[in-house]
Amino acid sequence: GVLRTPPAGTGSLDRRAPAPVLVPY
């Protein structure tokens, strides 16, 4: 789904899973 992203070294992405109770949503 990514088409254009910032130049290398200028940004960062982090992801985290939600609490188990929230997984359905």
PDBML (XML) file of the C-alpha atoms, coordinates in Angstrom:
<?xml version="1.0" encoding="UTF-8" ?>
<PDBx:datablock datablockName="MODEL"
   xmlns:PDBx="http://pdbml.pdb.org/schema/pdbx-v50.xsd"
   xmlns:xsi="http://www.w3.org/2001/XMLSchema-instance"
   xsi:schemaLocation="http://pdbml.pdb.org/schema/pdbx-v50.xsd pdbx-v50.xsd">
   <PDBx:atom_siteCategory>
      <PDBx:atom_site id="1">
         <PDBx:B_iso_or_equiv>0.00</PDBx:B_iso_or_equiv>
         <PDBx:Cartn_x>0.000</PDBx:Cartn_x>
         <PDBx:Cartn_y>0.000</PDBx:Cartn_y>
         <PDBx:Cartn_z>0.000</PDBx:Cartn_z>
         <PDBx:auth_asym_id>A</PDBx:auth_asym_id>
         <PDBx:auth_atom_id>CA</PDBx:auth_atom_id>
         <PDBx:auth_comp_id>GLY</PDBx:auth_comp_id>
         <PDBx:auth_seq_id>1</PDBx:auth_seq_id>
         <PDBx:group_PDB>ATOM</PDBx:group_PDB>
         <PDBx:label_alt_id xsi:nil="true" />
         <PDBx:label_asym_id>A</PDBx:label_asym_id>
         <PDBx:label_atom_id>CA</PDBx:label_atom_id>
         <PDBx:label_comp_id>GLY</PDBx:label_comp_id>
         <PDBx:label_entity_id>1</PDBx:label_entity_id>
         <PDBx:label_seq_id>1</PDBx:label_seq_id>
         <PDBx:occupancy>1.00</PDBx:occupancy>
         <PDBx:pdbx_PDB_model_num>1</PDBx:pdbx_PDB_model_num>
         <PDBx:type_symbol>C</PDBx:type_symbol>
      </PDBx:atom_site>
      <PDBx:atom_site id="2">
         <PDBx:B_iso_or_equiv>0.00</PDBx:B_iso_or_equiv>
         <PDBx:Cartn_x>2.978</PDBx:Cartn_x>
         <PDBx:Cartn_y>2.334</PDBx:Cartn_y>
         <PDBx:Cartn_z>0.137</PDBx:Cartn_z>
         <PDBx:auth_asym_id>A</PDBx:auth_asym_id>
         <PDBx:auth_atom_id>CA</PDBx:auth_atom_id>
         <PDBx:auth_comp_id>VAL</PDBx:auth_comp_id>
         <PDBx:auth_seq_id>2</PDBx:auth_seq_id>
         <PDBx:group_PDB>ATOM</PDBx:group_PDB>
         <PDBx:label_alt_id xsi:nil="true" />
         <PDBx:label_asym_id>A</PDBx:label_asym_id>
         <PDBx:label_atom_id>CA</PDBx:label_atom_id>
         <PDBx:label_comp_id>VAL</PDBx:label_comp_id>
         <PDBx:label_entity_id>1</PDBx:label_entity_id>
         <PDBx:label_seq_id>2</PDBx:label_seq_id>
         <PDBx:occupancy>1.00</PDBx:occupancy>
         <PDBx:pdbx_PDB_model_num>1</PDBx:pdbx_PDB_model_num>
         <PDBx:type_symbol>C</PDBx:type_symbol>
      </PDBx:atom_site>
      <PDBx:atom_site id="3">
         <PDBx:B_iso_or_equiv>0.00</PDBx:B_iso_or_equiv>
         <PDBx:Cartn_x>3.582</PDBx:Cartn_x>
         <PDBx:Cartn_y>4.526</PDBx:Cartn_y>
         <PDBx:Cartn_z>-2.896</PDBx:Cartn_z>
         <PDBx:auth_asym_id>A</PDBx:auth_asym_id>
         <PDBx:auth_atom_id>CA</PDBx:auth_atom_id>
         <PDBx:auth_comp_id>LEU</PDBx:auth_comp_id>
         <PDBx:auth_seq_id>3</PDBx:auth_seq_id>
         <PDBx:group_PDB>ATOM</PDBx:group_PDB>
         <PDBx:label_alt_id xsi:nil="true" />
         <PDBx:label_asym_id>A</PDBx:label_asym_id>
         <PDBx:label_atom_id>CA</PDBx:label_atom_id>
         <PDBx:label_comp_id>LEU</PDBx:label_comp_id>
         <PDBx:label_entity_id>1</PDBx:label_entity_id>
         <PDBx:label_seq_id>3</PDBx:label_seq_id>
         <PDBx:occupancy>1.00</PDBx:occupancy>
         <PDBx:pdbx_PDB_model_num>1</PDBx:pdbx_PDB_model_num>
         <PDBx:type_symbol>C</PDBx:type_symbol>
      </PDBx:atom_site>
      <PDBx:atom_site id="4">
         <PDBx:B_iso_or_equiv>0.00</PDBx:B_iso_or_equiv>
         <PDBx:Cartn_x>5.802</PDBx:Cartn_x>
         <PDBx:Cartn_y>7.390</PDBx:Cartn_y>
         <PDBx:Cartn_z>-1.722</PDBx:Cartn_z>
         <PDBx:auth_asym_id>A</PDBx:auth_asym_id>
         <PDBx:auth_atom_id>CA</PDBx:auth_atom_id>
         <PDBx:auth_comp_id>ARG</PDBx:auth_comp_id>
         <PDBx:auth_seq_id>4</PDBx:auth_seq_id>
         <PDBx:group_PDB>ATOM</PDBx:group_PDB>
         <PDBx:label_alt_id xsi:nil="true" />
         <PDBx:label_asym_id>A</PDBx:label_asym_id>
         <PDBx:label_atom_id>CA</PDBx:label_atom_id>
         <PDBx:label_comp_id>ARG</PDBx:label_comp_id>
         <PDBx:label_entity_id>1</PDBx:label_entity_id>
         <PDBx:label_seq_id>4</PDBx:label_seq_id>
         <PDBx:occupancy>1.00</PDBx:occupancy>
         <PDBx:pdbx_PDB_model_num>1</PDBx:pdbx_PDB_model_num>
         <PDBx:type_symbol>C</PDBx:type_symbol>
      </PDBx:atom_site>
      <PDBx:atom_site id="5">
         <PDBx:B_iso_or_equiv>0.00</PDBx:B_iso_or_equiv>
         <PDBx:Cartn_x>7.818</PDBx:Cartn_x>
         <PDBx:Cartn_y>7.606</PDBx:Cartn_y>
         <PDBx:Cartn_z>1.489</PDBx:Cartn_z>
         <PDBx:auth_asym_id>A</PDBx:auth_asym_id>
         <PDBx:auth_atom_id>CA</PDBx:auth_atom_id>
         <PDBx:auth_comp_id>THR</PDBx:auth_comp_id>
         <PDBx:auth_seq_id>5</PDBx:auth_seq_id>
         <PDBx:group_PDB>ATOM</PDBx:group_PDB>
         <PDBx:label_alt_id xsi:nil="true" />
         <PDBx:label_asym_id>A</PDBx:label_asym_id>
         <PDBx:label_atom_id>CA</PDBx:label_atom_id>
         <PDBx:label_comp_id>THR</PDBx:label_comp_id>
         <PDBx:label_entity_id>1</PDBx:label_entity_id>
         <PDBx:label_seq_id>5</PDBx:label_seq_id>
         <PDBx:occupancy>1.00</PDBx:occupancy>
         <PDBx:pdbx_PDB_model_num>1</PDBx:pdbx_PDB_model_num>
         <PDBx:type_symbol>C</PDBx:type_symbol>
      </PDBx:atom_site>
      <PDBx:atom_site id="6">
         <PDBx:B_iso_or_equiv>0.00</PDBx:B_iso_or_equiv>
         <PDBx:Cartn_x>10.318</PDBx:Cartn_x>
         <PDBx:Cartn_y>10.129</PDBx:Cartn_y>
         <PDBx:Cartn_z>2.907</PDBx:Cartn_z>
         <PDBx:auth_asym_id>A</PDBx:auth_asym_id>
         <PDBx:auth_atom_id>CA</PDBx:auth_atom_id>
         <PDBx:auth_comp_id>PRO</PDBx:auth_comp_id>
         <PDBx:auth_seq_id>6</PDBx:auth_seq_id>
         <PDBx:group_PDB>ATOM</PDBx:group_PDB>
         <PDBx:label_alt_id xsi:nil="true" />
         <PDBx:label_asym_id>A</PDBx:label_asym_id>
         <PDBx:label_atom_id>CA</PDBx:label_atom_id>
         <PDBx:label_comp_id>PRO</PDBx:label_comp_id>
         <PDBx:label_entity_id>1</PDBx:label_entity_id>
         <PDBx:label_seq_id>6</PDBx:label_seq_id>
         <PDBx:occupancy>1.00</PDBx:occupancy>
         <PDBx:pdbx_PDB_model_num>1</PDBx:pdbx_PDB_model_num>
         <PDBx:type_symbol>C</PDBx:type_symbol>
      </PDBx:atom_site>
      <PDBx:atom_site id="7">
         <PDBx:B_iso_or_equiv>0.00</PDBx:B_iso_or_equiv>
         <PDBx:Cartn_x>13.996</PDBx:Cartn_x>
         <PDBx:Cartn_y>9.861</PDBx:Cartn_y>
         <PDBx:Cartn_z>1.911</PDBx:Cartn_z>
         <PDBx:auth_asym_id>A</PDBx:auth_asym_id>
         <PDBx:auth_atom_id>CA</PDBx:auth_atom_id>
         <PDBx:auth_comp_id>PRO</PDBx:auth_comp_id>
         <PDBx:auth_seq_id>7</PDBx:auth_seq_id>
         <PDBx:group_PDB>ATOM</PDBx:group_PDB>
         <PDBx:label_alt_id xsi:nil="true" />
         <PDBx:label_asym_id>A</PDBx:label_asym_id>
         <PDBx:label_atom_id>CA</PDBx:label_atom_id>
         <PDBx:label_comp_id>PRO</PDBx:label_comp_id>
         <PDBx:label_entity_id>1</PDBx:label_entity_id>
         <PDBx:label_seq_id>7</PDBx:label_seq_id>
         <PDBx:occupancy>1.00</PDBx:occupancy>
         <PDBx:pdbx_PDB_model_num>1</PDBx:pdbx_PDB_model_num>
         <PDBx:type_symbol>C</PDBx:type_symbol>
      </PDBx:atom_site>
      <PDBx:atom_site id="8">
         <PDBx:B_iso_or_equiv>0.00</PDBx:B_iso_or_equiv>
         <PDBx:Cartn_x>16.028</PDBx:Cartn_x>
         <PDBx:Cartn_y>7.261</PDBx:Cartn_y>
         <PDBx:Cartn_z>3.792</PDBx:Cartn_z>
         <PDBx:auth_asym_id>A</PDBx:auth_asym_id>
         <PDBx:auth_atom_id>CA</PDBx:auth_atom_id>
         <PDBx:auth_comp_id>ALA</PDBx:auth_comp_id>
         <PDBx:auth_seq_id>8</PDBx:auth_seq_id>
         <PDBx:group_PDB>ATOM</PDBx:group_PDB>
         <PDBx:label_alt_id xsi:nil="true" />
         <PDBx:label_asym_id>A</PDBx:label_asym_id>
         <PDBx:label_atom_id>CA</PDBx:label_atom_id>
         <PDBx:label_comp_id>ALA</PDBx:label_comp_id>
         <PDBx:label_entity_id>1</PDBx:label_entity_id>
         <PDBx:label_seq_id>8</PDBx:label_seq_id>
         <PDBx:occupancy>1.00</PDBx:occupancy>
         <PDBx:pdbx_PDB_model_num>1</PDBx:pdbx_PDB_model_num>
         <PDBx:type_symbol>C</PDBx:type_symbol>
      </PDBx:atom_site>
      <PDBx:atom_site id="9">
         <PDBx:B_iso_or_equiv>0.00</PDBx:B_iso_or_equiv>
         <PDBx:Cartn_x>17.293</PDBx:Cartn_x>
         <PDBx:Cartn_y>8.460</PDBx:Cartn_y>
         <PDBx:Cartn_z>7.156</PDBx:Cartn_z>
         <PDBx:auth_asym_id>A</PDBx:auth_asym_id>
         <PDBx:auth_atom_id>CA</PDBx:auth_atom_id>
         <PDBx:auth_comp_id>GLY</PDBx:auth_comp_id>
         <PDBx:auth_seq_id>9</PDBx:auth_seq_id>
         <PDBx:group_PDB>ATOM</PDBx:group_PDB>
         <PDBx:label_alt_id xsi:nil="true" />
         <PDBx:label_asym_id>A</PDBx:label_asym_id>
         <PDBx:label_atom_id>CA</PDBx:label_atom_id>
         <PDBx:label_comp_id>GLY</PDBx:label_comp_id>
         <PDBx:label_entity_id>1</PDBx:label_entity_id>
         <PDBx:label_seq_id>9</PDBx:label_seq_id>
         <PDBx:occupancy>1.00</PDBx:occupancy>
         <PDBx:pdbx_PDB_model_num>1</PDBx:pdbx_PDB_model_num>
         <PDBx:type_symbol>C</PDBx:type_symbol>
      </PDBx:atom_site>
      <PDBx:atom_site id="10">
         <PDBx:B_iso_or_equiv>0.00</PDBx:B_iso_or_equiv>
         <PDBx:Cartn_x>14.665</PDBx:Cartn_x>
         <PDBx:Cartn_y>11.186</PDBx:Cartn_y>
         <PDBx:Cartn_z>7.591</PDBx:Cartn_z>
         <PDBx:auth_asym_id>A</PDBx:auth_asym_id>
         <PDBx:auth_atom_id>CA</PDBx:auth_atom_id>
         <PDBx:auth_comp_id>THR</PDBx:auth_comp_id>
         <PDBx:auth_seq_id>10</PDBx:auth_seq_id>
         <PDBx:group_PDB>ATOM</PDBx:group_PDB>
         <PDBx:label_alt_id xsi:nil="true" />
         <PDBx:label_asym_id>A</PDBx:label_asym_id>
         <PDBx:label_atom_id>CA</PDBx:label_atom_id>
         <PDBx:label_comp_id>THR</PDBx:label_comp_id>
         <PDBx:label_entity_id>1</PDBx:label_entity_id>
         <PDBx:label_seq_id>10</PDBx:label_seq_id>
         <PDBx:occupancy>1.00</PDBx:occupancy>
         <PDBx:pdbx_PDB_model_num>1</PDBx:pdbx_PDB_model_num>
         <PDBx:type_symbol>C</PDBx:type_symbol>
      </PDBx:atom_site>
      <PDBx:atom_site id="11">
         <PDBx:B_iso_or_equiv>0.00</PDBx:B_iso_or_equiv>
         <PDBx:Cartn_x>11.911</PDBx:Cartn_x>
         <PDBx:Cartn_y>9.192</PDBx:Cartn_y>
         <PDBx:Cartn_z>9.296</PDBx:Cartn_z>
         <PDBx:auth_asym_id>A</PDBx:auth_asym_id>
         <PDBx:auth_atom_id>CA</PDBx:auth_atom_id>
         <PDBx:auth_comp_id>GLY</PDBx:auth_comp_id>
         <PDBx:auth_seq_id>11</PDBx:auth_seq_id>
         <PDBx:group_PDB>ATOM</PDBx:group_PDB>
         <PDBx:label_alt_id xsi:nil="true" />
         <PDBx:label_asym_id>A</PDBx:label_asym_id>
         <PDBx:label_atom_id>CA</PDBx:label_atom_id>
         <PDBx:label_comp_id>GLY</PDBx:label_comp_id>
         <PDBx:label_entity_id>1</PDBx:label_entity_id>
         <PDBx:label_seq_id>11</PDBx:label_seq_id>
         <PDBx:occupancy>1.00</PDBx:occupancy>
         <PDBx:pdbx_PDB_model_num>1</PDBx:pdbx_PDB_model_num>
         <PDBx:type_symbol>C</PDBx:type_symbol>
      </PDBx:atom_site>
      <PDBx:atom_site id="12">
         <PDBx:B_iso_or_equiv>0.00</PDBx:B_iso_or_equiv>
         <PDBx:Cartn_x>11.039</PDBx:Cartn_x>
         <PDBx:Cartn_y>6.171</PDBx:Cartn_y>
         <PDBx:Cartn_z>11.381</PDBx:Cartn_z>
         <PDBx:auth_asym_id>A</PDBx:auth_asym_id>
         <PDBx:auth_atom_id>CA</PDBx:auth_atom_id>
         <PDBx:auth_comp_id>SER</PDBx:auth_comp_id>
         <PDBx:auth_seq_id>12</PDBx:auth_seq_id>
         <PDBx:group_PDB>ATOM</PDBx:group_PDB>
         <PDBx:label_alt_id xsi:nil="true" />
         <PDBx:label_asym_id>A</PDBx:label_asym_id>
         <PDBx:label_atom_id>CA</PDBx:label_atom_id>
         <PDBx:label_comp_id>SER</PDBx:label_comp_id>
         <PDBx:label_entity_id>1</PDBx:label_entity_id>
         <PDBx:label_seq_id>12</PDBx:label_seq_id>
         <PDBx:occupancy>1.00</PDBx:occupancy>
         <PDBx:pdbx_PDB_model_num>1</PDBx:pdbx_PDB_model_num>
         <PDBx:type_symbol>C</PDBx:type_symbol>
      </PDBx:atom_site>
      <PDBx:atom_site id="13">
         <PDBx:B_iso_or_equiv>0.00</PDBx:B_iso_or_equiv>
         <PDBx:Cartn_x>8.076</PDBx:Cartn_x>
         <PDBx:Cartn_y>3.859</PDBx:Cartn_y>
         <PDBx:Cartn_z>11.812</PDBx:Cartn_z>
         <PDBx:auth_asym_id>A</PDBx:auth_asym_id>
         <PDBx:auth_atom_id>CA</PDBx:auth_atom_id>
         <PDBx:auth_comp_id>LEU</PDBx:auth_comp_id>
         <PDBx:auth_seq_id>13</PDBx:auth_seq_id>
         <PDBx:group_PDB>ATOM</PDBx:group_PDB>
         <PDBx:label_alt_id xsi:nil="true" />
         <PDBx:label_asym_id>A</PDBx:label_asym_id>
         <PDBx:label_atom_id>CA</PDBx:label_atom_id>
         <PDBx:label_comp_id>LEU</PDBx:label_comp_id>
         <PDBx:label_entity_id>1</PDBx:label_entity_id>
         <PDBx:label_seq_id>13</PDBx:label_seq_id>
         <PDBx:occupancy>1.00</PDBx:occupancy>
         <PDBx:pdbx_PDB_model_num>1</PDBx:pdbx_PDB_model_num>
         <PDBx:type_symbol>C</PDBx:type_symbol>
      </PDBx:atom_site>
      <PDBx:atom_site id="14">
         <PDBx:B_iso_or_equiv>0.00</PDBx:B_iso_or_equiv>
         <PDBx:Cartn_x>7.166</PDBx:Cartn_x>
         <PDBx:Cartn_y>1.903</PDBx:Cartn_y>
         <PDBx:Cartn_z>14.957</PDBx:Cartn_z>
         <PDBx:auth_asym_id>A</PDBx:auth_asym_id>
         <PDBx:auth_atom_id>CA</PDBx:auth_atom_id>
         <PDBx:auth_comp_id>ASP</PDBx:auth_comp_id>
         <PDBx:auth_seq_id>14</PDBx:auth_seq_id>
         <PDBx:group_PDB>ATOM</PDBx:group_PDB>
         <PDBx:label_alt_id xsi:nil="true" />
         <PDBx:label_asym_id>A</PDBx:label_asym_id>
         <PDBx:label_atom_id>CA</PDBx:label_atom_id>
         <PDBx:label_comp_id>ASP</PDBx:label_comp_id>
         <PDBx:label_entity_id>1</PDBx:label_entity_id>
         <PDBx:label_seq_id>14</PDBx:label_seq_id>
         <PDBx:occupancy>1.00</PDBx:occupancy>
         <PDBx:pdbx_PDB_model_num>1</PDBx:pdbx_PDB_model_num>
         <PDBx:type_symbol>C</PDBx:type_symbol>
      </PDBx:atom_site>
      <PDBx:atom_site id="15">
         <PDBx:B_iso_or_equiv>0.00</PDBx:B_iso_or_equiv>
         <PDBx:Cartn_x>4.270</PDBx:Cartn_x>
         <PDBx:Cartn_y>-0.475</PDBx:Cartn_y>
         <PDBx:Cartn_z>15.494</PDBx:Cartn_z>
         <PDBx:auth_asym_id>A</PDBx:auth_asym_id>
         <PDBx:auth_atom_id>CA</PDBx:auth_atom_id>
         <PDBx:auth_comp_id>ARG</PDBx:auth_comp_id>
         <PDBx:auth_seq_id>15</PDBx:auth_seq_id>
         <PDBx:group_PDB>ATOM</PDBx:group_PDB>
         <PDBx:label_alt_id xsi:nil="true" />
         <PDBx:label_asym_id>A</PDBx:label_asym_id>
         <PDBx:label_atom_id>CA</PDBx:label_atom_id>
         <PDBx:label_comp_id>ARG</PDBx:label_comp_id>
         <PDBx:label_entity_id>1</PDBx:label_entity_id>
         <PDBx:label_seq_id>15</PDBx:label_seq_id>
         <PDBx:occupancy>1.00</PDBx:occupancy>
         <PDBx:pdbx_PDB_model_num>1</PDBx:pdbx_PDB_model_num>
         <PDBx:type_symbol>C</PDBx:type_symbol>
      </PDBx:atom_site>
      <PDBx:atom_site id="16">
         <PDBx:B_iso_or_equiv>0.00</PDBx:B_iso_or_equiv>
         <PDBx:Cartn_x>2.891</PDBx:Cartn_x>
         <PDBx:Cartn_y>-2.104</PDBx:Cartn_y>
         <PDBx:Cartn_z>18.594</PDBx:Cartn_z>
         <PDBx:auth_asym_id>A</PDBx:auth_asym_id>
         <PDBx:auth_atom_id>CA</PDBx:auth_atom_id>
         <PDBx:auth_comp_id>ARG</PDBx:auth_comp_id>
         <PDBx:auth_seq_id>16</PDBx:auth_seq_id>
         <PDBx:group_PDB>ATOM</PDBx:group_PDB>
         <PDBx:label_alt_id xsi:nil="true" />
         <PDBx:label_asym_id>A</PDBx:label_asym_id>
         <PDBx:label_atom_id>CA</PDBx:label_atom_id>
         <PDBx:label_comp_id>ARG</PDBx:label_comp_id>
         <PDBx:label_entity_id>1</PDBx:label_entity_id>
         <PDBx:label_seq_id>16</PDBx:label_seq_id>
         <PDBx:occupancy>1.00</PDBx:occupancy>
         <PDBx:pdbx_PDB_model_num>1</PDBx:pdbx_PDB_model_num>
         <PDBx:type_symbol>C</PDBx:type_symbol>
      </PDBx:atom_site>
      <PDBx:atom_site id="17">
         <PDBx:B_iso_or_equiv>0.00</PDBx:B_iso_or_equiv>
         <PDBx:Cartn_x>0.215</PDBx:Cartn_x>
         <PDBx:Cartn_y>-4.742</PDBx:Cartn_y>
         <PDBx:Cartn_z>19.162</PDBx:Cartn_z>
         <PDBx:auth_asym_id>A</PDBx:auth_asym_id>
         <PDBx:auth_atom_id>CA</PDBx:auth_atom_id>
         <PDBx:auth_comp_id>ALA</PDBx:auth_comp_id>
         <PDBx:auth_seq_id>17</PDBx:auth_seq_id>
         <PDBx:group_PDB>ATOM</PDBx:group_PDB>
         <PDBx:label_alt_id xsi:nil="true" />
         <PDBx:label_asym_id>A</PDBx:label_asym_id>
         <PDBx:label_atom_id>CA</PDBx:label_atom_id>
         <PDBx:label_comp_id>ALA</PDBx:label_comp_id>
         <PDBx:label_entity_id>1</PDBx:label_entity_id>
         <PDBx:label_seq_id>17</PDBx:label_seq_id>
         <PDBx:occupancy>1.00</PDBx:occupancy>
         <PDBx:pdbx_PDB_model_num>1</PDBx:pdbx_PDB_model_num>
         <PDBx:type_symbol>C</PDBx:type_symbol>
      </PDBx:atom_site>
      <PDBx:atom_site id="18">
         <PDBx:B_iso_or_equiv>0.00</PDBx:B_iso_or_equiv>
         <PDBx:Cartn_x>-2.797</PDBx:Cartn_x>
         <PDBx:Cartn_y>-3.693</PDBx:Cartn_y>
         <PDBx:Cartn_z>21.262</PDBx:Cartn_z>
         <PDBx:auth_asym_id>A</PDBx:auth_asym_id>
         <PDBx:auth_atom_id>CA</PDBx:auth_atom_id>
         <PDBx:auth_comp_id>PRO</PDBx:auth_comp_id>
         <PDBx:auth_seq_id>18</PDBx:auth_seq_id>
         <PDBx:group_PDB>ATOM</PDBx:group_PDB>
         <PDBx:label_alt_id xsi:nil="true" />
         <PDBx:label_asym_id>A</PDBx:label_asym_id>
         <PDBx:label_atom_id>CA</PDBx:label_atom_id>
         <PDBx:label_comp_id>PRO</PDBx:label_comp_id>
         <PDBx:label_entity_id>1</PDBx:label_entity_id>
         <PDBx:label_seq_id>18</PDBx:label_seq_id>
         <PDBx:occupancy>1.00</PDBx:occupancy>
         <PDBx:pdbx_PDB_model_num>1</PDBx:pdbx_PDB_model_num>
         <PDBx:type_symbol>C</PDBx:type_symbol>
      </PDBx:atom_site>
      <PDBx:atom_site id="19">
         <PDBx:B_iso_or_equiv>0.00</PDBx:B_iso_or_equiv>
         <PDBx:Cartn_x>-3.822</PDBx:Cartn_x>
         <PDBx:Cartn_y>-5.227</PDBx:Cartn_y>
         <PDBx:Cartn_z>24.577</PDBx:Cartn_z>
         <PDBx:auth_asym_id>A</PDBx:auth_asym_id>
         <PDBx:auth_atom_id>CA</PDBx:auth_atom_id>
         <PDBx:auth_comp_id>ALA</PDBx:auth_comp_id>
         <PDBx:auth_seq_id>19</PDBx:auth_seq_id>
         <PDBx:group_PDB>ATOM</PDBx:group_PDB>
         <PDBx:label_alt_id xsi:nil="true" />
         <PDBx:label_asym_id>A</PDBx:label_asym_id>
         <PDBx:label_atom_id>CA</PDBx:label_atom_id>
         <PDBx:label_comp_id>ALA</PDBx:label_comp_id>
         <PDBx:label_entity_id>1</PDBx:label_entity_id>
         <PDBx:label_seq_id>19</PDBx:label_seq_id>
         <PDBx:occupancy>1.00</PDBx:occupancy>
         <PDBx:pdbx_PDB_model_num>1</PDBx:pdbx_PDB_model_num>
         <PDBx:type_symbol>C</PDBx:type_symbol>
      </PDBx:atom_site>
      <PDBx:atom_site id="20">
         <PDBx:B_iso_or_equiv>0.00</PDBx:B_iso_or_equiv>
         <PDBx:Cartn_x>-5.303</PDBx:Cartn_x>
         <PDBx:Cartn_y>-8.726</PDBx:Cartn_y>
         <PDBx:Cartn_z>24.017</PDBx:Cartn_z>
         <PDBx:auth_asym_id>A</PDBx:auth_asym_id>
         <PDBx:auth_atom_id>CA</PDBx:auth_atom_id>
         <PDBx:auth_comp_id>PRO</PDBx:auth_comp_id>
         <PDBx:auth_seq_id>20</PDBx:auth_seq_id>
         <PDBx:group_PDB>ATOM</PDBx:group_PDB>
         <PDBx:label_alt_id xsi:nil="true" />
         <PDBx:label_asym_id>A</PDBx:label_asym_id>
         <PDBx:label_atom_id>CA</PDBx:label_atom_id>
         <PDBx:label_comp_id>PRO</PDBx:label_comp_id>
         <PDBx:label_entity_id>1</PDBx:label_entity_id>
         <PDBx:label_seq_id>20</PDBx:label_seq_id>
         <PDBx:occupancy>1.00</PDBx:occupancy>
         <PDBx:pdbx_PDB_model_num>1</PDBx:pdbx_PDB_model_num>
         <PDBx:type_symbol>C</PDBx:type_symbol>
      </PDBx:atom_site>
      <PDBx:atom_site id="21">
         <PDBx:B_iso_or_equiv>0.00</PDBx:B_iso_or_equiv>
         <PDBx:Cartn_x>-8.798</PDBx:Cartn_x>
         <PDBx:Cartn_y>-7.565</PDBx:Cartn_y>
         <PDBx:Cartn_z>24.970</PDBx:Cartn_z>
         <PDBx:auth_asym_id>A</PDBx:auth_asym_id>
         <PDBx:auth_atom_id>CA</PDBx:auth_atom_id>
         <PDBx:auth_comp_id>VAL</PDBx:auth_comp_id>
         <PDBx:auth_seq_id>21</PDBx:auth_seq_id>
         <PDBx:group_PDB>ATOM</PDBx:group_PDB>
         <PDBx:label_alt_id xsi:nil="true" />
         <PDBx:label_asym_id>A</PDBx:label_asym_id>
         <PDBx:label_atom_id>CA</PDBx:label_atom_id>
         <PDBx:label_comp_id>VAL</PDBx:label_comp_id>
         <PDBx:label_entity_id>1</PDBx:label_entity_id>
         <PDBx:label_seq_id>21</PDBx:label_seq_id>
         <PDBx:occupancy>1.00</PDBx:occupancy>
         <PDBx:pdbx_PDB_model_num>1</PDBx:pdbx_PDB_model_num>
         <PDBx:type_symbol>C</PDBx:type_symbol>
      </PDBx:atom_site>
      <PDBx:atom_site id="22">
         <PDBx:B_iso_or_equiv>0.00</PDBx:B_iso_or_equiv>
         <PDBx:Cartn_x>-8.733</PDBx:Cartn_x>
         <PDBx:Cartn_y>-5.111</PDBx:Cartn_y>
         <PDBx:Cartn_z>22.036</PDBx:Cartn_z>
         <PDBx:auth_asym_id>A</PDBx:auth_asym_id>
         <PDBx:auth_atom_id>CA</PDBx:auth_atom_id>
         <PDBx:auth_comp_id>LEU</PDBx:auth_comp_id>
         <PDBx:auth_seq_id>22</PDBx:auth_seq_id>
         <PDBx:group_PDB>ATOM</PDBx:group_PDB>
         <PDBx:label_alt_id xsi:nil="true" />
         <PDBx:label_asym_id>A</PDBx:label_asym_id>
         <PDBx:label_atom_id>CA</PDBx:label_atom_id>
         <PDBx:label_comp_id>LEU</PDBx:label_comp_id>
         <PDBx:label_entity_id>1</PDBx:label_entity_id>
         <PDBx:label_seq_id>22</PDBx:label_seq_id>
         <PDBx:occupancy>1.00</PDBx:occupancy>
         <PDBx:pdbx_PDB_model_num>1</PDBx:pdbx_PDB_model_num>
         <PDBx:type_symbol>C</PDBx:type_symbol>
      </PDBx:atom_site>
      <PDBx:atom_site id="23">
         <PDBx:B_iso_or_equiv>0.00</PDBx:B_iso_or_equiv>
         <PDBx:Cartn_x>-7.612</PDBx:Cartn_x>
         <PDBx:Cartn_y>-7.604</PDBx:Cartn_y>
         <PDBx:Cartn_z>19.369</PDBx:Cartn_z>
         <PDBx:auth_asym_id>A</PDBx:auth_asym_id>
         <PDBx:auth_atom_id>CA</PDBx:auth_atom_id>
         <PDBx:auth_comp_id>VAL</PDBx:auth_comp_id>
         <PDBx:auth_seq_id>23</PDBx:auth_seq_id>
         <PDBx:group_PDB>ATOM</PDBx:group_PDB>
         <PDBx:label_alt_id xsi:nil="true" />
         <PDBx:label_asym_id>A</PDBx:label_asym_id>
         <PDBx:label_atom_id>CA</PDBx:label_atom_id>
         <PDBx:label_comp_id>VAL</PDBx:label_comp_id>
         <PDBx:label_entity_id>1</PDBx:label_entity_id>
         <PDBx:label_seq_id>23</PDBx:label_seq_id>
         <PDBx:occupancy>1.00</PDBx:occupancy>
         <PDBx:pdbx_PDB_model_num>1</PDBx:pdbx_PDB_model_num>
         <PDBx:type_symbol>C</PDBx:type_symbol>
      </PDBx:atom_site>
      <PDBx:atom_site id="24">
         <PDBx:B_iso_or_equiv>0.00</PDBx:B_iso_or_equiv>
         <PDBx:Cartn_x>-11.117</PDBx:Cartn_x>
         <PDBx:Cartn_y>-8.046</PDBx:Cartn_y>
         <PDBx:Cartn_z>17.869</PDBx:Cartn_z>
         <PDBx:auth_asym_id>A</PDBx:auth_asym_id>
         <PDBx:auth_atom_id>CA</PDBx:auth_atom_id>
         <PDBx:auth_comp_id>PRO</PDBx:auth_comp_id>
         <PDBx:auth_seq_id>24</PDBx:auth_seq_id>
         <PDBx:group_PDB>ATOM</PDBx:group_PDB>
         <PDBx:label_alt_id xsi:nil="true" />
         <PDBx:label_asym_id>A</PDBx:label_asym_id>
         <PDBx:label_atom_id>CA</PDBx:label_atom_id>
         <PDBx:label_comp_id>PRO</PDBx:label_comp_id>
         <PDBx:label_entity_id>1</PDBx:label_entity_id>
         <PDBx:label_seq_id>24</PDBx:label_seq_id>
         <PDBx:occupancy>1.00</PDBx:occupancy>
         <PDBx:pdbx_PDB_model_num>1</PDBx:pdbx_PDB_model_num>
         <PDBx:type_symbol>C</PDBx:type_symbol>
      </PDBx:atom_site>
      <PDBx:atom_site id="25">
         <PDBx:B_iso_or_equiv>0.00</PDBx:B_iso_or_equiv>
         <PDBx:Cartn_x>-11.238</PDBx:Cartn_x>
         <PDBx:Cartn_y>-4.295</PDBx:Cartn_y>
         <PDBx:Cartn_z>17.218</PDBx:Cartn_z>
         <PDBx:auth_asym_id>A</PDBx:auth_asym_id>
         <PDBx:auth_atom_id>CA</PDBx:auth_atom_id>
         <PDBx:auth_comp_id>TYR</PDBx:auth_comp_id>
         <PDBx:auth_seq_id>25</PDBx:auth_seq_id>
         <PDBx:group_PDB>ATOM</PDBx:group_PDB>
         <PDBx:label_alt_id xsi:nil="true" />
         <PDBx:label_asym_id>A</PDBx:label_asym_id>
         <PDBx:label_atom_id>CA</PDBx:label_atom_id>
         <PDBx:label_comp_id>TYR</PDBx:label_comp_id>
         <PDBx:label_entity_id>1</PDBx:label_entity_id>
         <PDBx:label_seq_id>25</PDBx:label_seq_id>
         <PDBx:occupancy>1.00</PDBx:occupancy>
         <PDBx:pdbx_PDB_model_num>1</PDBx:pdbx_PDB_model_num>
         <PDBx:type_symbol>C</PDBx:type_symbol>
      </PDBx:atom_site>
   </PDBx:atom_siteCategory>
</PDBx:datablock>
